[in-house]
Amino acid sequence: MKFKGKVWKFKDDVNTDEIIPARYLNTIDPKELGSHCMEDIDKDFSKKISKGDIIVAGKNLGCGSSREHAQISIKGALQENTRRSQ
C-alpha cells in the first residue's frame, strides 16, 4: 500500500492540550476547533494542512486528558482546508 501527501511530523508525547489548547474547549464545532488545531506547536498548522496530508508522530500522540476535542480538531482542520481548496 502506498500513501501520497504532505507529511506533518511531530515529536513524541504530543498531548491533547497541544493538539487543541484548553482555552478552546468551550465548543465542539469541528470548524472552530479545526481553526486552532496544533496552534501552540505551529500557529499556522490549521491553514497549511490539506486533505490527503499525513500526520506522523512519535509515541503517545494524543496522550493526556481523554477528550474528544483533539480528534475533532484534526478532522475539522482537514475539512475546513478541503472546502477552501475547492
C-alpha atoms as a PDB file:
ATOM      1  CA  MET A   1       0.000   0.000   0.000  1.00  0.00           C
ATOM      2  CA  LYS A   2       1.297   3.459  -0.925  1.00  0.00           C
ATOM      3  CA  PHE A   3       0.289   6.783   0.537  1.00  0.00           C
ATOM      4  CA  LYS A   4       0.795  10.187  -1.050  1.00  0.00           C
ATOM      5  CA  GLY A   5       0.522  13.531   0.649  1.00  0.00           C
ATOM      6  CA  LYS A   6       2.454  16.102   2.591  1.00  0.00           C
ATOM      7  CA  VAL A   7       3.802  14.680   5.855  1.00  0.00           C
ATOM      8  CA  TRP A   8       3.455  16.622   9.098  1.00  0.00           C
ATOM      9  CA  LYS A   9       5.985  15.249  11.562  1.00  0.00           C
ATOM     10  CA  PHE A  10       5.564  15.784  15.296  1.00  0.00           C
ATOM     11  CA  LYS A  11       7.564  14.801  18.357  1.00  0.00           C
ATOM     12  CA  ASP A  12       6.863  12.118  20.954  1.00  0.00           C
ATOM     13  CA  ASP A  13       4.199  12.742  23.572  1.00  0.00           C
ATOM     14  CA  VAL A  14       2.065  15.324  21.773  1.00  0.00           C
ATOM     15  CA  ASN A  15      -0.736  15.636  24.295  1.00  0.00           C
ATOM     16  CA  THR A  16      -4.350  16.649  23.798  1.00  0.00           C
ATOM     17  CA  ASP A  17      -3.648  20.149  25.147  1.00  0.00           C
ATOM     18  CA  GLU A  18      -1.094  20.640  22.374  1.00  0.00           C
ATOM     19  CA  ILE A  19      -3.465  19.277  19.731  1.00  0.00           C
ATOM     20  CA  ILE A  20      -6.241  21.623  20.868  1.00  0.00           C
ATOM     21  CA  PRO A  21      -5.415  24.080  23.645  1.00  0.00           C
ATOM     22  CA  ALA A  22      -7.798  24.010  26.627  1.00  0.00           C
ATOM     23  CA  ARG A  23      -8.801  27.636  26.032  1.00  0.00           C
ATOM     24  CA  TYR A  24     -10.882  26.420  23.045  1.00  0.00           C
ATOM     25  CA  LEU A  25     -12.779  23.638  24.791  1.00  0.00           C
ATOM     26  CA  ASN A  26     -15.922  25.744  25.088  1.00  0.00           C
ATOM     27  CA  THR A  27     -17.153  24.398  21.727  1.00  0.00           C
ATOM     28  CA  ILE A  28     -17.467  21.087  19.914  1.00  0.00           C
ATOM     29  CA  ASP A  29     -17.846  22.710  16.491  1.00  0.00           C
ATOM     30  CA  PRO A  30     -15.337  20.965  14.176  1.00  0.00           C
ATOM     31  CA  LYS A  31     -14.716  24.097  12.092  1.00  0.00           C
ATOM     32  CA  GLU A  32     -13.940  26.232  15.151  1.00  0.00           C
ATOM     33  CA  LEU A  33     -11.766  23.570  16.802  1.00  0.00           C
ATOM     34  CA  GLY A  34     -10.017  22.906  13.488  1.00  0.00           C
ATOM     35  CA  SER A  35      -9.019  26.546  13.163  1.00  0.00           C
ATOM     36  CA  HIS A  36      -6.968  26.167  16.379  1.00  0.00           C
ATOM     37  CA  CYS A  37      -5.591  22.666  15.815  1.00  0.00           C
ATOM     38  CA  MET A  38      -1.910  22.354  16.866  1.00  0.00           C
ATOM     39  CA  GLU A  39      -1.593  26.151  17.127  1.00  0.00           C
ATOM     40  CA  ASP A  40       0.675  26.038  20.195  1.00  0.00           C
ATOM     41  CA  ILE A  41       3.113  23.881  18.203  1.00  0.00           C
ATOM     42  CA  ASP A  42       2.694  25.582  14.793  1.00  0.00           C
ATOM     43  CA  LYS A  43       0.445  28.661  14.771  1.00  0.00           C
ATOM     44  CA  ASP A  44      -0.346  28.241  11.063  1.00  0.00           C
ATOM     45  CA  PHE A  45      -0.842  24.453  11.039  1.00  0.00           C
ATOM     46  CA  SER A  46      -4.600  24.653  10.529  1.00  0.00           C
ATOM     47  CA  LYS A  47      -4.110  26.882   7.479  1.00  0.00           C
ATOM     48  CA  LYS A  48      -1.444  24.643   5.924  1.00  0.00           C
ATOM     49  CA  ILE A  49      -2.803  21.099   6.333  1.00  0.00           C
ATOM     50  CA  SER A  50      -4.837  19.714   3.428  1.00  0.00           C
ATOM     51  CA  LYS A  51      -6.928  16.695   2.577  1.00  0.00           C
ATOM     52  CA  GLY A  52      -4.630  13.744   1.915  1.00  0.00           C
ATOM     53  CA  ASP A  53      -1.873  15.012   4.202  1.00  0.00           C
ATOM     54  CA  ILE A  54      -0.368  12.567   6.669  1.00  0.00           C
ATOM     55  CA  ILE A  55       0.296  13.213  10.346  1.00  0.00           C
ATOM     56  CA  VAL A  56       3.260  11.269  11.716  1.00  0.00           C
ATOM     57  CA  ALA A  57       4.163  11.461  15.362  1.00  0.00           C
ATOM     58  CA  GLY A  58       6.345   9.647  17.790  1.00  0.00           C
ATOM     59  CA  LYS A  59       4.950   7.576  20.598  1.00  0.00           C
ATOM     60  CA  ASN A  60       1.915   8.701  22.588  1.00  0.00           C
ATOM     61  CA  LEU A  61       0.191  11.052  20.133  1.00  0.00           C
ATOM     62  CA  GLY A  62      -2.894  12.269  21.976  1.00  0.00           C
ATOM     63  CA  CYS A  63      -1.689  11.410  25.468  1.00  0.00           C
ATOM     64  CA  GLY A  64      -3.080  13.287  28.413  1.00  0.00           C
ATOM     65  CA  SER A  65      -6.743  14.011  29.008  1.00  0.00           C
ATOM     66  CA  SER A  66      -9.217  11.755  27.295  1.00  0.00           C
ATOM     67  CA  ARG A  67     -11.314  14.317  25.490  1.00  0.00           C
ATOM     68  CA  GLU A  68     -12.748  14.030  22.019  1.00  0.00           C
ATOM     69  CA  HIS A  69     -11.926  17.654  21.130  1.00  0.00           C
ATOM     70  CA  ALA A  70      -8.421  16.689  19.957  1.00  0.00           C
ATOM     71  CA  GLN A  71      -9.652  14.293  17.270  1.00  0.00           C
ATOM     72  CA  ILE A  72     -12.459  16.643  16.269  1.00  0.00           C
ATOM     73  CA  SER A  73      -9.963  19.494  15.817  1.00  0.00           C
ATOM     74  CA  ILE A  74      -7.760  17.443  13.460  1.00  0.00           C
ATOM     75  CA  LYS A  75     -10.770  16.380  11.429  1.00  0.00           C
ATOM     76  CA  GLY A  76     -12.094  19.959  11.449  1.00  0.00           C
ATOM     77  CA  ALA A  77      -8.800  21.381  10.178  1.00  0.00           C
ATOM     78  CA  LEU A  78      -8.802  18.924   7.287  1.00  0.00           C
ATOM     79  CA  GLN A  79     -12.447  19.593   6.418  1.00  0.00           C
ATOM     80  CA  GLU A  80     -12.025  23.355   6.509  1.00  0.00           C
ATOM     81  CA  ASN A  81      -8.997  23.319   4.208  1.00  0.00           C
ATOM     82  CA  THR A  82     -10.705  20.899   1.838  1.00  0.00           C
ATOM     83  CA  ARG A  83     -13.524  23.455   1.455  1.00  0.00           C
ATOM     84  CA  ARG A  84     -11.055  26.304   0.870  1.00  0.00           C
ATOM     85  CA  SER A  85      -9.211  24.437  -1.886  1.00  0.00           C
ATOM     86  CA  GLN A  86     -12.321  23.590  -3.900  1.00  0.00           C
END
